Amino acid sequence: QVQLVESGGGLVQAGGSLRLSCTGSGRTFSSWTMGWFRQAPGKEREFVAAINWSSGGTYYADSVKGRFTISRDNAKNTVYLHMNSLNPEDTAVYYCAAKWWSYSGVSNEYSYWGQGTQVTVSS
């Protein structure tokens, strides 16, 4: 069974940085797109970033462009989200997700999800 496990969340002051990791198991992900989403209390789940595993092509929400970077380590089946210049608006539970082949920023098009990791940015 496909499983995604996130790690790296925590508490950070505004302006700080965190790196989230998501490791997949149960299959190879060479033909998949991996995404990061986040959800804050009272808000809908929001697309953050995605990467196409085979091509390395990346996609970002406007709210995080220039601050967040998504990357992959093929040998480890791991996707990273490097988050810089964090602000309190970035506080949310962050989820990694996987879908077949092509990019999507729509959460319900992703088939597999991790458990989420909390990111809290203090002011």
C-alpha atoms as a PDB file:
ATOM      1  CA  GLN A   1       0.000   0.000   0.000  1.00  0.00           C
ATOM      2  CA  VAL A   2       1.234   3.472  -0.803  1.00  0.00           C
ATOM      3  CA  GLN A   3       2.279   5.445   2.237  1.00  0.00           C
ATOM      4  CA  LEU A   4       3.547   9.002   2.569  1.00  0.00           C
ATOM      5  CA  VAL A   5       5.196  10.199   5.755  1.00  0.00           C
ATOM      6  CA  GLU A   6       5.981  13.851   6.465  1.00  0.00           C
ATOM      7  CA  SER A   7       8.450  15.244   8.935  1.00  0.00           C
ATOM      8  CA  GLY A   8      10.165  18.518   9.747  1.00  0.00           C
ATOM      9  CA  GLY A   9       7.374  20.668  11.108  1.00  0.00           C
ATOM     10  CA  GLY A  10       7.753  22.749  14.213  1.00  0.00           C
ATOM     11  CA  LEU A  11       7.728  26.191  15.731  1.00  0.00           C
ATOM     12  CA  VAL A  12       9.763  28.963  14.163  1.00  0.00           C
ATOM     13  CA  GLN A  13       9.922  32.725  14.506  1.00  0.00           C
ATOM     14  CA  ALA A  14       8.886  34.996  11.687  1.00  0.00           C
ATOM     15  CA  GLY A  15      11.679  35.263   9.158  1.00  0.00           C
ATOM     16  CA  GLY A  16      12.995  31.823   9.954  1.00  0.00           C
ATOM     17  CA  SER A  17      13.230  28.671   7.886  1.00  0.00           C
ATOM     18  CA  LEU A  18      12.126  25.058   7.994  1.00  0.00           C
ATOM     19  CA  ARG A  19      12.567  22.068   5.735  1.00  0.00           C
ATOM     20  CA  LEU A  20       9.767  19.566   5.429  1.00  0.00           C
ATOM     21  CA  SER A  21      10.347  16.054   4.134  1.00  0.00           C
ATOM     22  CA  CYS A  22       7.966  13.516   2.661  1.00  0.00           C
ATOM     23  CA  THR A  23       9.076   9.970   2.014  1.00  0.00           C
ATOM     24  CA  GLY A  24       6.997   7.622  -0.097  1.00  0.00           C
ATOM     25  CA  SER A  25       6.845   3.863   0.080  1.00  0.00           C
ATOM     26  CA  GLY A  26       4.844   1.061  -1.478  1.00  0.00           C
ATOM     27  CA  ARG A  27       5.811   1.824  -5.052  1.00  0.00           C
ATOM     28  CA  THR A  28       8.177   3.849  -7.164  1.00  0.00           C
ATOM     29  CA  PHE A  29       7.027   7.372  -7.914  1.00  0.00           C
ATOM     30  CA  SER A  30       8.853   7.953 -11.165  1.00  0.00           C
ATOM     31  CA  SER A  31       5.585   8.500 -13.069  1.00  0.00           C
ATOM     32  CA  TRP A  32       3.902  10.650 -10.441  1.00  0.00           C
ATOM     33  CA  THR A  33       3.536  14.230  -9.334  1.00  0.00           C
ATOM     34  CA  MET A  34       4.192  15.034  -5.701  1.00  0.00           C
ATOM     35  CA  GLY A  35       2.555  18.011  -4.067  1.00  0.00           C
ATOM     36  CA  TRP A  36       2.467  19.966  -0.856  1.00  0.00           C
ATOM     37  CA  PHE A  37      -0.755  21.412   0.523  1.00  0.00           C
ATOM     38  CA  ARG A  38      -1.551  23.233   3.721  1.00  0.00           C
ATOM     39  CA  GLN A  39      -4.616  23.924   5.802  1.00  0.00           C
ATOM     40  CA  ALA A  40      -5.059  26.483   8.549  1.00  0.00           C
ATOM     41  CA  PRO A  41      -8.005  26.553  10.955  1.00  0.00           C
ATOM     42  CA  GLY A  42     -11.056  28.032   9.296  1.00  0.00           C
ATOM     43  CA  LYS A  43      -9.525  27.897   5.830  1.00  0.00           C
ATOM     44  CA  GLU A  44      -9.761  25.534   2.906  1.00  0.00           C
ATOM     45  CA  ARG A  45      -6.900  23.281   2.025  1.00  0.00           C
ATOM     46  CA  GLU A  46      -4.502  25.284  -0.115  1.00  0.00           C
ATOM     47  CA  PHE A  47      -2.060  24.241  -2.789  1.00  0.00           C
ATOM     48  CA  VAL A  48       1.524  25.147  -1.973  1.00  0.00           C
ATOM     49  CA  ALA A  49       3.880  23.487  -4.443  1.00  0.00           C
ATOM     50  CA  ALA A  50       4.284  20.441  -6.649  1.00  0.00           C
ATOM     51  CA  ILE A  51       7.011  18.649  -8.528  1.00  0.00           C
ATOM     52  CA  ASN A  52       6.811  16.248 -11.428  1.00  0.00           C
ATOM     53  CA  TRP A  53       8.970  13.324 -10.473  1.00  0.00           C
ATOM     54  CA  SER A  54      10.250  12.424 -13.908  1.00  0.00           C
ATOM     55  CA  SER A  55      10.857  15.878 -15.362  1.00  0.00           C
ATOM     56  CA  GLY A  56      11.659  17.796 -12.201  1.00  0.00           C
ATOM     57  CA  GLY A  57       9.278  20.530 -13.239  1.00  0.00           C
ATOM     58  CA  THR A  58       8.071  22.601 -10.310  1.00  0.00           C
ATOM     59  CA  TYR A  59       4.956  24.627  -9.598  1.00  0.00           C
ATOM     60  CA  TYR A  60       4.228  27.103  -6.818  1.00  0.00           C
ATOM     61  CA  ALA A  61       1.329  28.998  -5.386  1.00  0.00           C
ATOM     62  CA  ASP A  62       1.728  32.741  -5.759  1.00  0.00           C
ATOM     63  CA  SER A  63       1.759  33.133  -1.997  1.00  0.00           C
ATOM     64  CA  VAL A  64       5.006  31.173  -1.638  1.00  0.00           C
ATOM     65  CA  LYS A  65       6.909  31.963  -4.829  1.00  0.00           C
ATOM     66  CA  GLY A  66      10.381  33.174  -4.054  1.00  0.00           C
ATOM     67  CA  ARG A  67      10.243  31.845  -0.504  1.00  0.00           C
ATOM     68  CA  PHE A  68       9.572  28.100  -0.798  1.00  0.00           C
ATOM     69  CA  THR A  69      11.420  25.551  -2.893  1.00  0.00           C
ATOM     70  CA  ILE A  70      10.274  22.030  -3.672  1.00  0.00           C
ATOM     71  CA  SER A  71      12.824  19.402  -4.597  1.00  0.00           C
ATOM     72  CA  ARG A  72      13.214  15.647  -4.792  1.00  0.00           C
ATOM     73  CA  ASP A  73      15.762  12.974  -4.015  1.00  0.00           C
ATOM     74  CA  ASN A  74      15.109  10.129  -6.407  1.00  0.00           C
ATOM     75  CA  ALA A  75      17.233   7.605  -4.563  1.00  0.00           C
ATOM     76  CA  LYS A  76      15.358   8.207  -1.312  1.00  0.00           C
ATOM     77  CA  ASN A  77      11.836   8.568  -2.751  1.00  0.00           C
ATOM     78  CA  THR A  78      11.711  11.793  -0.793  1.00  0.00           C
ATOM     79  CA  VAL A  79      10.313  15.216  -1.595  1.00  0.00           C
ATOM     80  CA  TYR A  80      11.393  18.301   0.314  1.00  0.00           C
ATOM     81  CA  LEU A  81       9.804  21.656   0.891  1.00  0.00           C
ATOM     82  CA  HIS A  82      12.357  24.282   1.855  1.00  0.00           C
ATOM     83  CA  MET A  83      10.555  27.188   3.472  1.00  0.00           C
ATOM     84  CA  ASN A  84      12.320  30.505   3.933  1.00  0.00           C
ATOM     85  CA  SER A  85      11.203  33.912   5.168  1.00  0.00           C
ATOM     86  CA  LEU A  86       8.323  32.375   7.038  1.00  0.00           C
ATOM     87  CA  ASN A  87       5.569  34.574   8.367  1.00  0.00           C
ATOM     88  CA  PRO A  88       2.557  33.874  10.596  1.00  0.00           C
ATOM     89  CA  GLU A  89       0.334  33.457   7.530  1.00  0.00           C
ATOM     90  CA  ASP A  90       2.291  30.295   6.761  1.00  0.00           C
ATOM     91  CA  THR A  91       1.051  28.656   9.961  1.00  0.00           C
ATOM     92  CA  ALA A  92      -0.866  25.527   8.984  1.00  0.00           C
ATOM     93  CA  VAL A  93      -0.803  21.781   8.864  1.00  0.00           C
ATOM     94  CA  TYR A  94       1.257  20.825   5.839  1.00  0.00           C
ATOM     95  CA  TYR A  95       0.441  17.685   3.879  1.00  0.00           C
ATOM     96  CA  CYS A  96       2.297  15.908   1.144  1.00  0.00           C
ATOM     97  CA  ALA A  97       0.328  14.133  -1.542  1.00  0.00           C
ATOM     98  CA  ALA A  98       0.799  12.117  -4.716  1.00  0.00           C
ATOM     99  CA  LYS A  99      -1.103  11.771  -7.974  1.00  0.00           C
ATOM    100  CA  TRP A 100      -0.589   9.992 -11.241  1.00  0.00           C
ATOM    101  CA  TRP A 101       1.608  11.706 -13.798  1.00  0.00           C
ATOM    102  CA  SER A 102       0.619  15.275 -14.523  1.00  0.00           C
ATOM    103  CA  TYR A 103       0.609  18.378 -12.368  1.00  0.00           C
ATOM    104  CA  SER A 104      -2.481  19.498 -10.510  1.00  0.00           C
ATOM    105  CA  GLY A 105      -3.072  22.126  -7.871  1.00  0.00           C
ATOM    106  CA  VAL A 106      -6.436  20.639  -6.910  1.00  0.00           C
ATOM    107  CA  SER A 107      -6.322  18.656  -3.701  1.00  0.00           C
ATOM    108  CA  ASN A 108      -9.040  16.133  -4.534  1.00  0.00           C
ATOM    109  CA  GLU A 109      -7.149  15.034  -7.630  1.00  0.00           C
ATOM    110  CA  TYR A 110      -4.395  13.585  -5.457  1.00  0.00           C
ATOM    111  CA  SER A 111      -4.763   9.931  -4.579  1.00  0.00           C
ATOM    112  CA  TYR A 112      -2.447   9.529  -1.613  1.00  0.00           C
ATOM    113  CA  TRP A 113      -1.821  11.729   1.396  1.00  0.00           C
ATOM    114  CA  GLY A 114       0.476  11.894   4.341  1.00  0.00           C
ATOM    115  CA  GLN A 115      -0.624  12.471   7.897  1.00  0.00           C
ATOM    116  CA  GLY A 116       0.363  16.123   7.989  1.00  0.00           C
ATOM    117  CA  THR A 117       2.927  18.042   9.988  1.00  0.00           C
ATOM    118  CA  GLN A 118       2.260  21.219  11.933  1.00  0.00           C
ATOM    119  CA  VAL A 119       4.150  24.383  11.076  1.00  0.00           C
ATOM    120  CA  THR A 120       3.688  27.283  13.469  1.00  0.00           C
ATOM    121  CA  VAL A 121       5.268  30.662  12.814  1.00  0.00           C
ATOM    122  CA  SER A 122       5.287  33.088  15.702  1.00  0.00           C
ATOM    123  CA  SER A 123       5.089  36.828  15.230  1.00  0.00           C
END
